[in-house]
Amino acid sequence: MEFVETFSNPILLLILKEKFSSDELLLFRPGNRLSVMPVSSQVPNKILPISFVTS
């Protein structure tokens, strides 16, 4: 994985929760904090289209 771009507007946590389960994004599991965490290769493919809609 590598840096692709900076989004002009943040993607709201509410939107991420609508698009991902706690199995896909560890951020949603109890006790996890927003930081660097591993993600599967499918997560960036789902986040990038969302960034264009919210930007």
PDB file of N, CA and C in Angstrom:
ATOM      1  N   MET A   1       0.842  -1.156   0.000  1.00  0.00           N
ATOM      2  CA  MET A   1       0.000   0.000   0.000  1.00  0.00           C
ATOM      3  C   MET A   1       0.893   1.225   0.000  1.00  0.00           C
ATOM      4  N   GLU A   2       0.407   2.270  -0.666  1.00  0.00           N
ATOM      5  CA  GLU A   2       1.182   3.500  -0.725  1.00  0.00           C
ATOM      6  C   GLU A   2       0.240   4.694  -0.708  1.00  0.00           C
ATOM      7  N   PHE A   3       0.803   5.856  -0.375  1.00  0.00           N
ATOM      8  CA  PHE A   3       0.045   7.094  -0.368  1.00  0.00           C
ATOM      9  C   PHE A   3      -0.480   7.382  -1.767  1.00  0.00           C
ATOM     10  N   VAL A   4      -1.754   7.769  -1.859  1.00  0.00           N
ATOM     11  CA  VAL A   4      -2.351   8.077  -3.154  1.00  0.00           C
ATOM     12  C   VAL A   4      -2.647   9.568  -3.257  1.00  0.00           C
ATOM     13  N   GLU A   5      -3.387  10.093  -2.294  1.00  0.00           N
ATOM     14  CA  GLU A   5      -3.739  11.504  -2.331  1.00  0.00           C
ATOM     15  C   GLU A   5      -4.276  11.953  -0.981  1.00  0.00           C
ATOM     16  N   THR A   6      -4.333  13.269  -0.802  1.00  0.00           N
ATOM     17  CA  THR A   6      -4.972  13.860   0.357  1.00  0.00           C
ATOM     18  C   THR A   6      -6.371  14.269  -0.064  1.00  0.00           C
ATOM     19  N   PHE A   7      -7.366  13.903   0.717  1.00  0.00           N
ATOM     20  CA  PHE A   7      -8.736  14.264   0.390  1.00  0.00           C
ATOM     21  C   PHE A   7      -8.984  15.719   0.772  1.00  0.00           C
ATOM     22  N   SER A   8      -9.708  16.439  -0.062  1.00  0.00           N
ATOM     23  CA  SER A   8      -9.984  17.849   0.225  1.00  0.00           C
ATOM     24  C   SER A   8     -10.959  17.994   1.394  1.00  0.00           C
ATOM     25  N   ASN A   9     -11.823  17.009   1.588  1.00  0.00           N
ATOM     26  CA  ASN A   9     -12.745  16.986   2.726  1.00  0.00           C
ATOM     27  C   ASN A   9     -12.615  15.643   3.426  1.00  0.00           C
ATOM     28  N   PRO A  10     -12.699  15.633   4.749  1.00  0.00           N
ATOM     29  CA  PRO A  10     -12.614  14.343   5.449  1.00  0.00           C
ATOM     30  C   PRO A  10     -13.836  13.474   5.168  1.00  0.00           C
ATOM     31  N   ILE A  11     -13.648  12.184   5.260  1.00  0.00           N
ATOM     32  CA  ILE A  11     -14.760  11.238   5.161  1.00  0.00           C
ATOM     33  C   ILE A  11     -15.269  11.034   6.583  1.00  0.00           C
ATOM     34  N   LEU A  12     -16.513  11.333   6.803  1.00  0.00           N
ATOM     35  CA  LEU A  12     -17.079  11.253   8.138  1.00  0.00           C
ATOM     36  C   LEU A  12     -17.118   9.814   8.646  1.00  0.00           C
ATOM     37  N   LEU A  13     -16.917   9.672   9.936  1.00  0.00           N
ATOM     38  CA  LEU A  13     -16.973   8.357  10.570  1.00  0.00           C
ATOM     39  C   LEU A  13     -18.328   7.701  10.327  1.00  0.00           C
ATOM     40  N   LEU A  14     -19.382   8.472  10.341  1.00  0.00           N
ATOM     41  CA  LEU A  14     -20.725   7.964  10.090  1.00  0.00           C
ATOM     42  C   LEU A  14     -20.808   7.301   8.709  1.00  0.00           C
ATOM     43  N   ILE A  15     -20.200   7.910   7.719  1.00  0.00           N
ATOM     44  CA  ILE A  15     -20.207   7.339   6.364  1.00  0.00           C
ATOM     45  C   ILE A  15     -19.392   6.055   6.324  1.00  0.00           C
ATOM     46  N   LEU A  16     -18.243   6.046   6.984  1.00  0.00           N
ATOM     47  CA  LEU A  16     -17.431   4.829   7.018  1.00  0.00           C
ATOM     48  C   LEU A  16     -18.193   3.690   7.689  1.00  0.00           C
ATOM     49  N   LYS A  17     -18.915   4.008   8.753  1.00  0.00           N
ATOM     50  CA  LYS A  17     -19.686   2.973   9.449  1.00  0.00           C
ATOM     51  C   LYS A  17     -20.805   2.418   8.580  1.00  0.00           C
ATOM     52  N   GLU A  18     -21.330   3.242   7.675  1.00  0.00           N
ATOM     53  CA  GLU A  18     -22.367   2.770   6.752  1.00  0.00           C
ATOM     54  C   GLU A  18     -21.787   1.824   5.700  1.00  0.00           C
ATOM     55  N   LYS A  19     -20.526   2.033   5.330  1.00  0.00           N
ATOM     56  CA  LYS A  19     -19.912   1.299   4.225  1.00  0.00           C
ATOM     57  C   LYS A  19     -19.115   0.069   4.655  1.00  0.00           C
ATOM     58  N   PHE A  20     -18.679   0.041   5.931  1.00  0.00           N
ATOM     59  CA  PHE A  20     -17.792  -1.024   6.396  1.00  0.00           C
ATOM     60  C   PHE A  20     -18.307  -1.673   7.667  1.00  0.00           C
ATOM     61  N   SER A  21     -17.997  -2.941   7.817  1.00  0.00           N
ATOM     62  CA  SER A  21     -18.306  -3.653   9.061  1.00  0.00           C
ATOM     63  C   SER A  21     -17.093  -3.579   9.983  1.00  0.00           C
ATOM     64  N   SER A  22     -17.271  -3.999  11.218  1.00  0.00           N
ATOM     65  CA  SER A  22     -16.140  -4.025  12.154  1.00  0.00           C
ATOM     66  C   SER A  22     -15.123  -5.086  11.763  1.00  0.00           C
ATOM     67  N   ASP A  23     -15.516  -6.036  10.941  1.00  0.00           N
ATOM     68  CA  ASP A  23     -14.558  -7.024  10.440  1.00  0.00           C
ATOM     69  C   ASP A  23     -13.663  -6.415   9.362  1.00  0.00           C
ATOM     70  N   GLU A  24     -14.201  -5.444   8.621  1.00  0.00           N
ATOM     71  CA  GLU A  24     -13.422  -4.805   7.558  1.00  0.00           C
ATOM     72  C   GLU A  24     -12.513  -3.696   8.092  1.00  0.00           C
ATOM     73  N   LEU A  25     -13.020  -2.909   9.035  1.00  0.00           N
ATOM     74  CA  LEU A  25     -12.240  -1.821   9.622  1.00  0.00           C
ATOM     75  C   LEU A  25     -12.157  -2.023  11.127  1.00  0.00           C
ATOM     76  N   LEU A  26     -10.973  -2.295  11.613  1.00  0.00           N
ATOM     77  CA  LEU A  26     -10.778  -2.538  13.042  1.00  0.00           C
ATOM     78  C   LEU A  26     -11.129  -1.321  13.887  1.00  0.00           C
ATOM     79  N   LEU A  27     -11.154  -0.163  13.284  1.00  0.00           N
ATOM     80  CA  LEU A  27     -11.491   1.075  13.979  1.00  0.00           C
ATOM     81  C   LEU A  27     -12.824   0.979  14.699  1.00  0.00           C
ATOM     82  N   PHE A  28     -13.750   0.199  14.159  1.00  0.00           N
ATOM     83  CA  PHE A  28     -15.094   0.114  14.729  1.00  0.00           C
ATOM     84  C   PHE A  28     -15.219  -0.892  15.866  1.00  0.00           C
ATOM     85  N   ARG A  29     -14.169  -1.612  16.129  1.00  0.00           N
ATOM     86  CA  ARG A  29     -14.221  -2.573  17.239  1.00  0.00           C
ATOM     87  C   ARG A  29     -14.008  -1.830  18.557  1.00  0.00           C
ATOM     88  N   PRO A  30     -14.706  -2.245  19.598  1.00  0.00           N
ATOM     89  CA  PRO A  30     -14.561  -1.577  20.895  1.00  0.00           C
ATOM     90  C   PRO A  30     -13.098  -1.562  21.359  1.00  0.00           C
ATOM     91  N   GLY A  31     -12.679  -0.426  21.877  1.00  0.00           N
ATOM     92  CA  GLY A  31     -11.329  -0.295  22.418  1.00  0.00           C
ATOM     93  C   GLY A  31     -10.290   0.190  21.426  1.00  0.00           C
ATOM     94  N   ASN A  32     -10.623   0.236  20.135  1.00  0.00           N
ATOM     95  CA  ASN A  32      -9.660   0.721  19.138  1.00  0.00           C
ATOM     96  C   ASN A  32      -9.775   2.226  18.997  1.00  0.00           C
ATOM     97  N   ARG A  33      -8.628   2.843  18.752  1.00  0.00           N
ATOM     98  CA  ARG A  33      -8.582   4.283  18.572  1.00  0.00           C
ATOM     99  C   ARG A  33      -8.125   4.594  17.162  1.00  0.00           C
ATOM    100  N   LEU A  34      -8.429   5.797  16.734  1.00  0.00           N
ATOM    101  CA  LEU A  34      -8.033   6.237  15.406  1.00  0.00           C
ATOM    102  C   LEU A  34      -6.515   6.379  15.355  1.00  0.00           C
ATOM    103  N   SER A  35      -5.890   5.526  14.608  1.00  0.00           N
ATOM    104  CA  SER A  35      -4.442   5.548  14.437  1.00  0.00           C
ATOM    105  C   SER A  35      -4.106   4.713  13.207  1.00  0.00           C
ATOM    106  N   VAL A  36      -2.865   4.433  13.032  1.00  0.00           N
ATOM    107  CA  VAL A  36      -2.455   3.584  11.918  1.00  0.00           C
ATOM    108  C   VAL A  36      -2.785   2.143  12.273  1.00  0.00           C
ATOM    109  N   MET A  37      -3.540   1.485  11.398  1.00  0.00           N
ATOM    110  CA  MET A  37      -3.889   0.093  11.635  1.00  0.00           C
ATOM    111  C   MET A  37      -3.967  -0.641  10.301  1.00  0.00           C
ATOM    112  N   PRO A  38      -3.749  -1.941  10.319  1.00  0.00           N
ATOM    113  CA  PRO A  38      -3.784  -2.694   9.063  1.00  0.00           C
ATOM    114  C   PRO A  38      -5.195  -2.735   8.476  1.00  0.00           C
ATOM    115  N   VAL A  39      -5.255  -2.734   7.151  1.00  0.00           N
ATOM    116  CA  VAL A  39      -6.529  -2.895   6.442  1.00  0.00           C
ATOM    117  C   VAL A  39      -6.319  -3.885   5.303  1.00  0.00           C
ATOM    118  N   SER A  40      -7.383  -4.533   4.911  1.00  0.00           N
ATOM    119  CA  SER A  40      -7.284  -5.458   3.778  1.00  0.00           C
ATOM    120  C   SER A  40      -7.161  -4.652   2.489  1.00  0.00           C
ATOM    121  N   SER A  41      -6.791  -5.306   1.417  1.00  0.00           N
ATOM    122  CA  SER A  41      -6.614  -4.608   0.142  1.00  0.00           C
ATOM    123  C   SER A  41      -7.939  -4.095  -0.422  1.00  0.00           C
ATOM    124  N   GLN A  42      -9.069  -4.613   0.046  1.00  0.00           N
ATOM    125  CA  GLN A  42     -10.364  -4.155  -0.446  1.00  0.00           C
ATOM    126  C   GLN A  42     -10.782  -2.812   0.145  1.00  0.00           C
ATOM    127  N   VAL A  43     -10.288  -2.479   1.324  1.00  0.00           N
ATOM    128  CA  VAL A  43     -10.706  -1.245   1.994  1.00  0.00           C
ATOM    129  C   VAL A  43     -10.352   0.002   1.182  1.00  0.00           C
ATOM    130  N   PRO A  44      -9.121   0.171   0.722  1.00  0.00           N
ATOM    131  CA  PRO A  44      -8.820   1.366  -0.082  1.00  0.00           C
ATOM    132  C   PRO A  44      -9.665   1.443  -1.346  1.00  0.00           C
ATOM    133  N   ASN A  45      -9.971   0.305  -1.944  1.00  0.00           N
ATOM    134  CA  ASN A  45     -10.798   0.296  -3.148  1.00  0.00           C
ATOM    135  C   ASN A  45     -12.221   0.772  -2.873  1.00  0.00           C
ATOM    136  N   LYS A  46     -12.674   0.633  -1.630  1.00  0.00           N
ATOM    137  CA  LYS A  46     -14.004   1.123  -1.263  1.00  0.00           C
ATOM    138  C   LYS A  46     -13.957   2.562  -0.770  1.00  0.00           C
ATOM    139  N   ILE A  47     -12.830   2.980  -0.178  1.00  0.00           N
ATOM    140  CA  ILE A  47     -12.720   4.338   0.359  1.00  0.00           C
ATOM    141  C   ILE A  47     -12.527   5.370  -0.752  1.00  0.00           C
ATOM    142  N   LEU A  48     -11.730   5.066  -1.745  1.00  0.00           N
ATOM    143  CA  LEU A  48     -11.452   6.057  -2.788  1.00  0.00           C
ATOM    144  C   LEU A  48     -12.716   6.561  -3.485  1.00  0.00           C
ATOM    145  N   PRO A  49     -13.643   5.695  -3.898  1.00  0.00           N
ATOM    146  CA  PRO A  49     -14.872   6.234  -4.510  1.00  0.00           C
ATOM    147  C   PRO A  49     -15.685   7.098  -3.547  1.00  0.00           C
ATOM    148  N   ILE A  50     -15.679   6.752  -2.254  1.00  0.00           N
ATOM    149  CA  ILE A  50     -16.404   7.543  -1.259  1.00  0.00           C
ATOM    150  C   ILE A  50     -15.804   8.947  -1.174  1.00  0.00           C
ATOM    151  N   SER A  51     -14.480   9.046  -1.294  1.00  0.00           N
ATOM    152  CA  SER A  51     -13.821  10.349  -1.159  1.00  0.00           C
ATOM    153  C   SER A  51     -14.253  11.315  -2.255  1.00  0.00           C
ATOM    154  N   PHE A  52     -14.563  10.807  -3.432  1.00  0.00           N
ATOM    155  CA  PHE A  52     -14.994  11.677  -4.529  1.00  0.00           C
ATOM    156  C   PHE A  52     -16.417  12.177  -4.309  1.00  0.00           C
ATOM    157  N   VAL A  53     -17.224  11.387  -3.651  1.00  0.00           N
ATOM    158  CA  VAL A  53     -18.621  11.765  -3.376  1.00  0.00           C
ATOM    159  C   VAL A  53     -18.682  12.817  -2.278  1.00  0.00           C
ATOM    160  N   THR A  54     -17.848  12.668  -1.240  1.00  0.00           N
ATOM    161  CA  THR A  54     -17.890  13.590  -0.098  1.00  0.00           C
ATOM    162  C   THR A  54     -17.058  14.827  -0.312  1.00  0.00           C
ATOM    163  N   SER A  55     -16.224  14.845  -1.329  1.00  0.00           N
ATOM    164  CA  SER A  55     -15.362  16.005  -1.568  1.00  0.00           C
ATOM    165  C   SER A  55     -16.124  17.152  -2.184  1.00  0.00           C
TER     166      SER A  55
END
